Every structure is written in structure tokens, then in C-alpha cells.
Amino acid sequence: MNAQQQIKADLINAINQINNPFLLLEMSKLIKLSDEDNGNIKLTNHQIDELKIAIQQIENGEFLTHEEAKRQSEAWLED
């Protein structure tokens, strides 16, 4: 038995021991998602709007570098 077959067998055994219907349903959704995954991400309209705002802010130079953000957060913690 190769490694892939062993992993599948182990997963099947683990699934057969689960008695929680909610957990089984969530695992089923996870498996379906991984089967359908083609590299595309589906975003809501709100997420798309937020990304457009973020892109515009970056283009306008309205952002902090990592170091600037770190200094700012440390200053807030000291207050």
C-alpha cells in the first residue's frame, strides 16, 4: 500500500468512527469544496468593494509600512 492509499484508508477509518452528524456534514462540505477548487475565489460584492478601496488607497500612497504600523501599535500600547 502506498502513502496515498494509506492516508485514504486512515481517513475512511476515522470517518467511520465519527458519530457527530454536524461534524460529518462539515467534513462533507470541506471535501466538496476541495473537489470543486479550481483556484478561483468567489467574493461577495462587499468584499469586492473593500478591495477596490484598498487598491485605491495603495495607489494614493495611503498606507503604512510594516515598521510604521509596528511603531504605531507599540505607541498605542504604551498609552
C-alpha atoms as a PDB file:
ATOM      1  CA  MET A   1       0.000   0.000   0.000  1.00  0.00           C
ATOM      2  CA  ASN A   2       1.483   3.361  -0.995  1.00  0.00           C
ATOM      3  CA  ALA A   3       1.334   6.529   1.123  1.00  0.00           C
ATOM      4  CA  GLN A   4      -1.727   7.922  -0.659  1.00  0.00           C
ATOM      5  CA  GLN A   5      -3.666   4.682  -0.194  1.00  0.00           C
ATOM      6  CA  GLN A   6      -2.667   4.581   3.476  1.00  0.00           C
ATOM      7  CA  ILE A   7      -3.884   8.139   4.041  1.00  0.00           C
ATOM      8  CA  LYS A   8      -7.203   7.335   2.379  1.00  0.00           C
ATOM      9  CA  ALA A   9      -7.602   4.183   4.473  1.00  0.00           C
ATOM     10  CA  ASP A  10      -6.821   6.117   7.647  1.00  0.00           C
ATOM     11  CA  LEU A  11      -9.351   8.804   6.739  1.00  0.00           C
ATOM     12  CA  ILE A  12     -12.031   6.220   5.997  1.00  0.00           C
ATOM     13  CA  ASN A  13     -11.407   4.539   9.343  1.00  0.00           C
ATOM     14  CA  ALA A  14     -11.545   7.869  11.166  1.00  0.00           C
ATOM     15  CA  ILE A  15     -14.763   8.891   9.406  1.00  0.00           C
ATOM     16  CA  ASN A  16     -16.383   5.551  10.220  1.00  0.00           C
ATOM     17  CA  GLN A  17     -15.777   6.219  13.912  1.00  0.00           C
ATOM     18  CA  ILE A  18     -17.429   9.653  13.917  1.00  0.00           C
ATOM     19  CA  ASN A  19     -20.937   9.757  15.382  1.00  0.00           C
ATOM     20  CA  ASN A  20     -21.445  13.519  15.279  1.00  0.00           C
ATOM     21  CA  PRO A  21     -23.765  14.357  12.341  1.00  0.00           C
ATOM     22  CA  PHE A  22     -22.739  18.035  12.374  1.00  0.00           C
ATOM     23  CA  LEU A  23     -19.066  17.137  12.083  1.00  0.00           C
ATOM     24  CA  LEU A  24     -19.798  14.694   9.259  1.00  0.00           C
ATOM     25  CA  LEU A  25     -21.781  17.362   7.408  1.00  0.00           C
ATOM     26  CA  GLU A  26     -18.973  19.896   7.766  1.00  0.00           C
ATOM     27  CA  MET A  27     -16.403  17.349   6.599  1.00  0.00           C
ATOM     28  CA  SER A  28     -18.595  16.590   3.605  1.00  0.00           C
ATOM     29  CA  LYS A  29     -18.702  20.299   2.728  1.00  0.00           C
ATOM     30  CA  LEU A  30     -14.934  20.506   3.053  1.00  0.00           C
ATOM     31  CA  ILE A  31     -14.423  17.564   0.706  1.00  0.00           C
ATOM     32  CA  LYS A  32     -16.843  19.041  -1.835  1.00  0.00           C
ATOM     33  CA  LEU A  33     -15.043  22.382  -1.678  1.00  0.00           C
ATOM     34  CA  SER A  34     -11.672  20.777  -2.283  1.00  0.00           C
ATOM     35  CA  ASP A  35     -13.073  18.813  -5.228  1.00  0.00           C
ATOM     36  CA  GLU A  36     -14.520  21.977  -6.766  1.00  0.00           C
ATOM     37  CA  ASP A  37     -11.450  24.103  -6.087  1.00  0.00           C
ATOM     38  CA  ASN A  38     -10.096  25.317  -9.390  1.00  0.00           C
ATOM     39  CA  GLY A  39      -8.034  28.153  -7.980  1.00  0.00           C
ATOM     40  CA  ASN A  40     -10.816  30.726  -8.242  1.00  0.00           C
ATOM     41  CA  ILE A  41     -12.026  32.595  -5.197  1.00  0.00           C
ATOM     42  CA  LYS A  42     -15.624  33.760  -5.031  1.00  0.00           C
ATOM     43  CA  LEU A  43     -16.003  37.156  -3.384  1.00  0.00           C
ATOM     44  CA  THR A  44     -19.106  38.946  -2.214  1.00  0.00           C
ATOM     45  CA  ASN A  45     -19.931  42.380  -3.607  1.00  0.00           C
ATOM     46  CA  HIS A  46     -18.917  43.880  -0.275  1.00  0.00           C
ATOM     47  CA  GLN A  47     -15.519  42.169  -0.425  1.00  0.00           C
ATOM     48  CA  ILE A  48     -15.000  43.405  -3.989  1.00  0.00           C
ATOM     49  CA  ASP A  49     -15.864  46.963  -2.909  1.00  0.00           C
ATOM     50  CA  GLU A  50     -13.432  46.764   0.008  1.00  0.00           C
ATOM     51  CA  LEU A  51     -10.674  45.510  -2.292  1.00  0.00           C
ATOM     52  CA  LYS A  52     -11.300  48.381  -4.709  1.00  0.00           C
ATOM     53  CA  ILE A  53     -10.994  50.854  -1.821  1.00  0.00           C
ATOM     54  CA  ALA A  54      -7.764  49.194  -0.639  1.00  0.00           C
ATOM     55  CA  ILE A  55      -6.262  49.265  -4.128  1.00  0.00           C
ATOM     56  CA  GLN A  56      -7.123  52.951  -4.460  1.00  0.00           C
ATOM     57  CA  GLN A  57      -5.534  53.672  -1.065  1.00  0.00           C
ATOM     58  CA  ILE A  58      -2.343  51.884  -2.094  1.00  0.00           C
ATOM     59  CA  GLU A  59      -2.229  53.749  -5.392  1.00  0.00           C
ATOM     60  CA  ASN A  60      -2.624  57.030  -3.459  1.00  0.00           C
ATOM     61  CA  GLY A  61       0.140  56.099  -1.022  1.00  0.00           C
ATOM     62  CA  GLU A  62      -2.318  55.910   1.876  1.00  0.00           C
ATOM     63  CA  PHE A  63      -0.732  53.045   3.770  1.00  0.00           C
ATOM     64  CA  LEU A  64       1.810  52.307   6.484  1.00  0.00           C
ATOM     65  CA  THR A  65       4.915  50.226   6.083  1.00  0.00           C
ATOM     66  CA  HIS A  66       5.285  47.279   8.425  1.00  0.00           C
ATOM     67  CA  GLU A  67       7.757  49.237  10.551  1.00  0.00           C
ATOM     68  CA  GLU A  68       5.460  52.286  10.723  1.00  0.00           C
ATOM     69  CA  ALA A  69       2.492  50.142  11.744  1.00  0.00           C
ATOM     70  CA  LYS A  70       4.607  48.354  14.347  1.00  0.00           C
ATOM     71  CA  ARG A  71       5.793  51.653  15.867  1.00  0.00           C
ATOM     72  CA  GLN A  72       2.245  52.995  15.879  1.00  0.00           C
ATOM     73  CA  SER A  73       0.818  49.916  17.598  1.00  0.00           C
ATOM     74  CA  GLU A  74       3.611  49.962  20.189  1.00  0.00           C
ATOM     75  CA  ALA A  75       2.880  53.624  20.897  1.00  0.00           C
ATOM     76  CA  TRP A  76      -0.811  52.852  21.392  1.00  0.00           C
ATOM     77  CA  LEU A  77       0.042  50.042  23.792  1.00  0.00           C
ATOM     78  CA  GLU A  78       2.179  52.387  25.864  1.00  0.00           C
ATOM     79  CA  ASP A  79      -0.684  54.884  26.303  1.00  0.00           C
END
